[in-house]
Amino acid sequence: MLEVGNTTSTAVAANGKIPFTTVFFNTNNKTSFDSVNNSLNIRRPGIYNVGGSFVFTPTAAGTVSISMQVSGATSPTAVATFTADAGSTYTFNIPSKYIRTVASAAGSVPITFVASAAGTLTSANAFVYKVC
């Protein structure tokens, strides 16, 4: 299991990756954290459960979402969206999603989370763990 987070108030640009600053724990060699790319990486074949929770204050009013991206593509069922007021704080819970990797893809499956609008991240927590 890999769990990462951020408890420091951090500015995030529109379409910017959610930054993680702390690895809470990584219990095996099946996953890793890439601090340069802010990605949770699946390194071995299998089925993994991935999800996250983010407290975010958008700079401007409008539709704001945080989405999970798998190998750079947004996973359509792993998005949290609010019609937000500027300066209001929202908790975005990304539904956990199962991701299956195969031997040819092992080592190259980065998971990132992206905010659609500029704002301030108050806290972040994301996880990935192997199911089977």
C-alpha atoms as a PDB file:
ATOM      1  CA  MET A   1       0.000   0.000   0.000  1.00  0.00           C
ATOM      2  CA  LEU A   2       1.128   3.500  -0.818  1.00  0.00           C
ATOM      3  CA  GLU A   3      -0.426   6.529   0.859  1.00  0.00           C
ATOM      4  CA  VAL A   4       0.683  10.096   0.172  1.00  0.00           C
ATOM      5  CA  GLY A   5      -0.551  13.464   1.330  1.00  0.00           C
ATOM      6  CA  ASN A   6      -0.099  17.167   1.723  1.00  0.00           C
ATOM      7  CA  THR A   7      -1.093  19.141   4.816  1.00  0.00           C
ATOM      8  CA  THR A   8       0.516  22.432   3.766  1.00  0.00           C
ATOM      9  CA  SER A   9      -1.585  25.138   2.126  1.00  0.00           C
ATOM     10  CA  THR A  10      -0.385  25.144  -1.494  1.00  0.00           C
ATOM     11  CA  ALA A  11      -1.362  27.150  -4.587  1.00  0.00           C
ATOM     12  CA  VAL A  12      -2.439  25.041  -7.564  1.00  0.00           C
ATOM     13  CA  ALA A  13      -2.698  26.381 -11.125  1.00  0.00           C
ATOM     14  CA  ALA A  14      -5.645  25.615 -13.391  1.00  0.00           C
ATOM     15  CA  ASN A  15      -5.133  22.155 -14.915  1.00  0.00           C
ATOM     16  CA  GLY A  16      -2.270  21.666 -12.454  1.00  0.00           C
ATOM     17  CA  LYS A  17      -1.344  18.433 -10.717  1.00  0.00           C
ATOM     18  CA  ILE A  18      -2.167  18.142  -7.042  1.00  0.00           C
ATOM     19  CA  PRO A  19       1.170  18.276  -5.189  1.00  0.00           C
ATOM     20  CA  PHE A  20       1.963  15.680  -2.546  1.00  0.00           C
ATOM     21  CA  THR A  21       4.676  16.436   0.009  1.00  0.00           C
ATOM     22  CA  THR A  22       4.623  13.429   2.326  1.00  0.00           C
ATOM     23  CA  VAL A  23       4.720   9.680   1.868  1.00  0.00           C
ATOM     24  CA  PHE A  24       2.786   8.407   4.876  1.00  0.00           C
ATOM     25  CA  PHE A  25       3.724   4.838   4.113  1.00  0.00           C
ATOM     26  CA  ASN A  26       4.764   2.530   1.314  1.00  0.00           C
ATOM     27  CA  THR A  27       4.603  -1.065   2.416  1.00  0.00           C
ATOM     28  CA  ASN A  28       5.915  -2.874  -0.663  1.00  0.00           C
ATOM     29  CA  ASN A  29       7.783  -2.633  -3.957  1.00  0.00           C
ATOM     30  CA  LYS A  30       4.628  -2.842  -6.095  1.00  0.00           C
ATOM     31  CA  THR A  31       4.075   0.926  -5.861  1.00  0.00           C
ATOM     32  CA  SER A  32       6.227   4.028  -5.601  1.00  0.00           C
ATOM     33  CA  PHE A  33       5.889   7.805  -5.399  1.00  0.00           C
ATOM     34  CA  ASP A  34       7.523  10.105  -7.964  1.00  0.00           C
ATOM     35  CA  SER A  35       7.924  13.503  -6.256  1.00  0.00           C
ATOM     36  CA  VAL A  36       9.098  15.205  -9.468  1.00  0.00           C
ATOM     37  CA  ASN A  37       5.870  14.346 -11.315  1.00  0.00           C
ATOM     38  CA  ASN A  38       3.576  14.125  -8.254  1.00  0.00           C
ATOM     39  CA  SER A  39       2.513  10.645  -9.308  1.00  0.00           C
ATOM     40  CA  LEU A  40       1.723   7.410  -7.546  1.00  0.00           C
ATOM     41  CA  ASN A  41       3.261   4.712  -9.721  1.00  0.00           C
ATOM     42  CA  ILE A  42       2.082   1.135 -10.114  1.00  0.00           C
ATOM     43  CA  ARG A  43       5.185  -0.960 -10.750  1.00  0.00           C
ATOM     44  CA  ARG A  44       3.903  -4.549 -10.903  1.00  0.00           C
ATOM     45  CA  PRO A  45       1.056  -6.308 -12.714  1.00  0.00           C
ATOM     46  CA  GLY A  46      -2.200  -6.831 -10.819  1.00  0.00           C
ATOM     47  CA  ILE A  47      -5.429  -5.192  -9.778  1.00  0.00           C
ATOM     48  CA  TYR A  48      -5.108  -2.056  -7.646  1.00  0.00           C
ATOM     49  CA  ASN A  49      -7.569   0.167  -5.783  1.00  0.00           C
ATOM     50  CA  VAL A  50      -6.830   3.897  -6.120  1.00  0.00           C
ATOM     51  CA  GLY A  51      -8.583   6.942  -4.647  1.00  0.00           C
ATOM     52  CA  GLY A  52      -8.158  10.250  -2.878  1.00  0.00           C
ATOM     53  CA  SER A  53      -9.642  13.138  -0.933  1.00  0.00           C
ATOM     54  CA  PHE A  54      -8.765  16.808  -1.382  1.00  0.00           C
ATOM     55  CA  VAL A  55      -9.734  20.026   0.421  1.00  0.00           C
ATOM     56  CA  PHE A  56      -9.583  22.840  -2.146  1.00  0.00           C
ATOM     57  CA  THR A  57     -10.579  26.511  -2.326  1.00  0.00           C
ATOM     58  CA  PRO A  58     -11.026  27.739  -5.910  1.00  0.00           C
ATOM     59  CA  THR A  59      -9.883  31.233  -6.827  1.00  0.00           C
ATOM     60  CA  ALA A  60     -12.888  31.948  -9.076  1.00  0.00           C
ATOM     61  CA  ALA A  61     -16.531  30.884  -9.108  1.00  0.00           C
ATOM     62  CA  GLY A  62     -17.684  28.235 -11.555  1.00  0.00           C
ATOM     63  CA  THR A  63     -17.491  24.528 -12.192  1.00  0.00           C
ATOM     64  CA  VAL A  64     -14.439  23.028 -10.524  1.00  0.00           C
ATOM     65  CA  SER A  65     -13.341  19.418 -10.604  1.00  0.00           C
ATOM     66  CA  ILE A  66     -10.489  17.262  -9.439  1.00  0.00           C
ATOM     67  CA  SER A  67      -9.902  14.212 -11.570  1.00  0.00           C
ATOM     68  CA  MET A  68      -7.736  11.120 -11.455  1.00  0.00           C
ATOM     69  CA  GLN A  69      -5.502  10.589 -14.461  1.00  0.00           C
ATOM     70  CA  VAL A  70      -4.130   7.165 -15.319  1.00  0.00           C
ATOM     71  CA  SER A  71      -1.108   7.315 -17.647  1.00  0.00           C
ATOM     72  CA  GLY A  72      -2.096  10.900 -18.525  1.00  0.00           C
ATOM     73  CA  ALA A  73      -5.745  10.174 -19.423  1.00  0.00           C
ATOM     74  CA  THR A  74      -8.635  11.260 -17.221  1.00  0.00           C
ATOM     75  CA  SER A  75     -10.561   8.358 -15.771  1.00  0.00           C
ATOM     76  CA  PRO A  76     -14.203   9.394 -16.387  1.00  0.00           C
ATOM     77  CA  THR A  77     -15.558   7.623 -13.317  1.00  0.00           C
ATOM     78  CA  ALA A  78     -12.952   9.105 -10.967  1.00  0.00           C
ATOM     79  CA  VAL A  79     -13.893  12.787 -10.945  1.00  0.00           C
ATOM     80  CA  ALA A  80     -15.365  14.995  -8.210  1.00  0.00           C
ATOM     81  CA  THR A  81     -17.085  18.230  -9.341  1.00  0.00           C
ATOM     82  CA  PHE A  82     -18.641  21.243  -7.605  1.00  0.00           C
ATOM     83  CA  THR A  83     -20.316  24.410  -8.814  1.00  0.00           C
ATOM     84  CA  ALA A  84     -18.127  26.547  -6.622  1.00  0.00           C
ATOM     85  CA  ASP A  85     -18.216  30.029  -5.174  1.00  0.00           C
ATOM     86  CA  ALA A  86     -14.935  31.949  -5.219  1.00  0.00           C
ATOM     87  CA  GLY A  87     -13.178  31.643  -1.864  1.00  0.00           C
ATOM     88  CA  SER A  88     -15.387  28.819  -0.577  1.00  0.00           C
ATOM     89  CA  THR A  89     -13.737  25.582   0.509  1.00  0.00           C
ATOM     90  CA  TYR A  90     -14.860  22.191  -0.802  1.00  0.00           C
ATOM     91  CA  THR A  91     -13.912  18.588  -0.072  1.00  0.00           C
ATOM     92  CA  PHE A  92     -13.424  16.618  -3.275  1.00  0.00           C
ATOM     93  CA  ASN A  93     -13.686  12.863  -2.702  1.00  0.00           C
ATOM     94  CA  ILE A  94     -12.502  10.853  -5.676  1.00  0.00           C
ATOM     95  CA  PRO A  95     -14.363   7.534  -5.702  1.00  0.00           C
ATOM     96  CA  SER A  96     -11.950   4.644  -5.413  1.00  0.00           C
ATOM     97  CA  LYS A  97     -11.358   2.933  -8.722  1.00  0.00           C
ATOM     98  CA  TYR A  98      -9.919  -0.442  -9.637  1.00  0.00           C
ATOM     99  CA  ILE A  99      -7.044  -0.330 -12.102  1.00  0.00           C
ATOM    100  CA  ARG A 100      -5.713  -3.460 -13.761  1.00  0.00           C
ATOM    101  CA  THR A 101      -2.150  -3.514 -15.015  1.00  0.00           C
ATOM    102  CA  VAL A 102      -0.494  -6.162 -17.137  1.00  0.00           C
ATOM    103  CA  ALA A 103       3.127  -7.279 -17.285  1.00  0.00           C
ATOM    104  CA  SER A 104       3.920  -5.142 -20.340  1.00  0.00           C
ATOM    105  CA  ALA A 105       2.657  -2.007 -18.575  1.00  0.00           C
ATOM    106  CA  ALA A 106       4.280  -2.631 -15.185  1.00  0.00           C
ATOM    107  CA  GLY A 107       6.558   0.204 -14.207  1.00  0.00           C
ATOM    108  CA  SER A 108       4.805   2.673 -16.452  1.00  0.00           C
ATOM    109  CA  VAL A 109       1.421   3.339 -14.876  1.00  0.00           C
ATOM    110  CA  PRO A 110       1.512   6.783 -13.224  1.00  0.00           C
ATOM    111  CA  ILE A 111      -1.556   8.000 -11.320  1.00  0.00           C
ATOM    112  CA  THR A 112      -1.961  11.769 -10.882  1.00  0.00           C
ATOM    113  CA  PHE A 113      -4.756  14.042  -9.687  1.00  0.00           C
ATOM    114  CA  VAL A 114      -5.500  17.296 -11.542  1.00  0.00           C
ATOM    115  CA  ALA A 115      -7.497  20.391 -10.530  1.00  0.00           C
ATOM    116  CA  SER A 116      -9.484  22.020 -13.351  1.00  0.00           C
ATOM    117  CA  ALA A 117      -9.285  25.494 -11.813  1.00  0.00           C
ATOM    118  CA  ALA A 118      -6.754  27.594  -9.948  1.00  0.00           C
ATOM    119  CA  GLY A 119      -7.028  27.672  -6.189  1.00  0.00           C
ATOM    120  CA  THR A 120      -5.505  26.747  -2.869  1.00  0.00           C
ATOM    121  CA  LEU A 121      -5.099  23.169  -1.729  1.00  0.00           C
ATOM    122  CA  THR A 122      -5.510  22.869   2.043  1.00  0.00           C
ATOM    123  CA  SER A 123      -4.966  19.137   2.313  1.00  0.00           C
ATOM    124  CA  ALA A 124      -4.635  16.082   0.117  1.00  0.00           C
ATOM    125  CA  ASN A 125      -4.600  12.360   0.676  1.00  0.00           C
ATOM    126  CA  ALA A 126      -4.319   9.657  -1.987  1.00  0.00           C
ATOM    127  CA  PHE A 127      -3.731   5.929  -1.905  1.00  0.00           C
ATOM    128  CA  VAL A 128      -3.039   2.915  -4.082  1.00  0.00           C
ATOM    129  CA  TYR A 129      -3.014  -0.667  -2.892  1.00  0.00           C
ATOM    130  CA  LYS A 130      -2.876  -4.036  -4.582  1.00  0.00           C
ATOM    131  CA  VAL A 131      -6.077  -6.056  -4.372  1.00  0.00           C
ATOM    132  CA  CYS A 132      -4.849  -9.149  -6.194  1.00  0.00           C
END
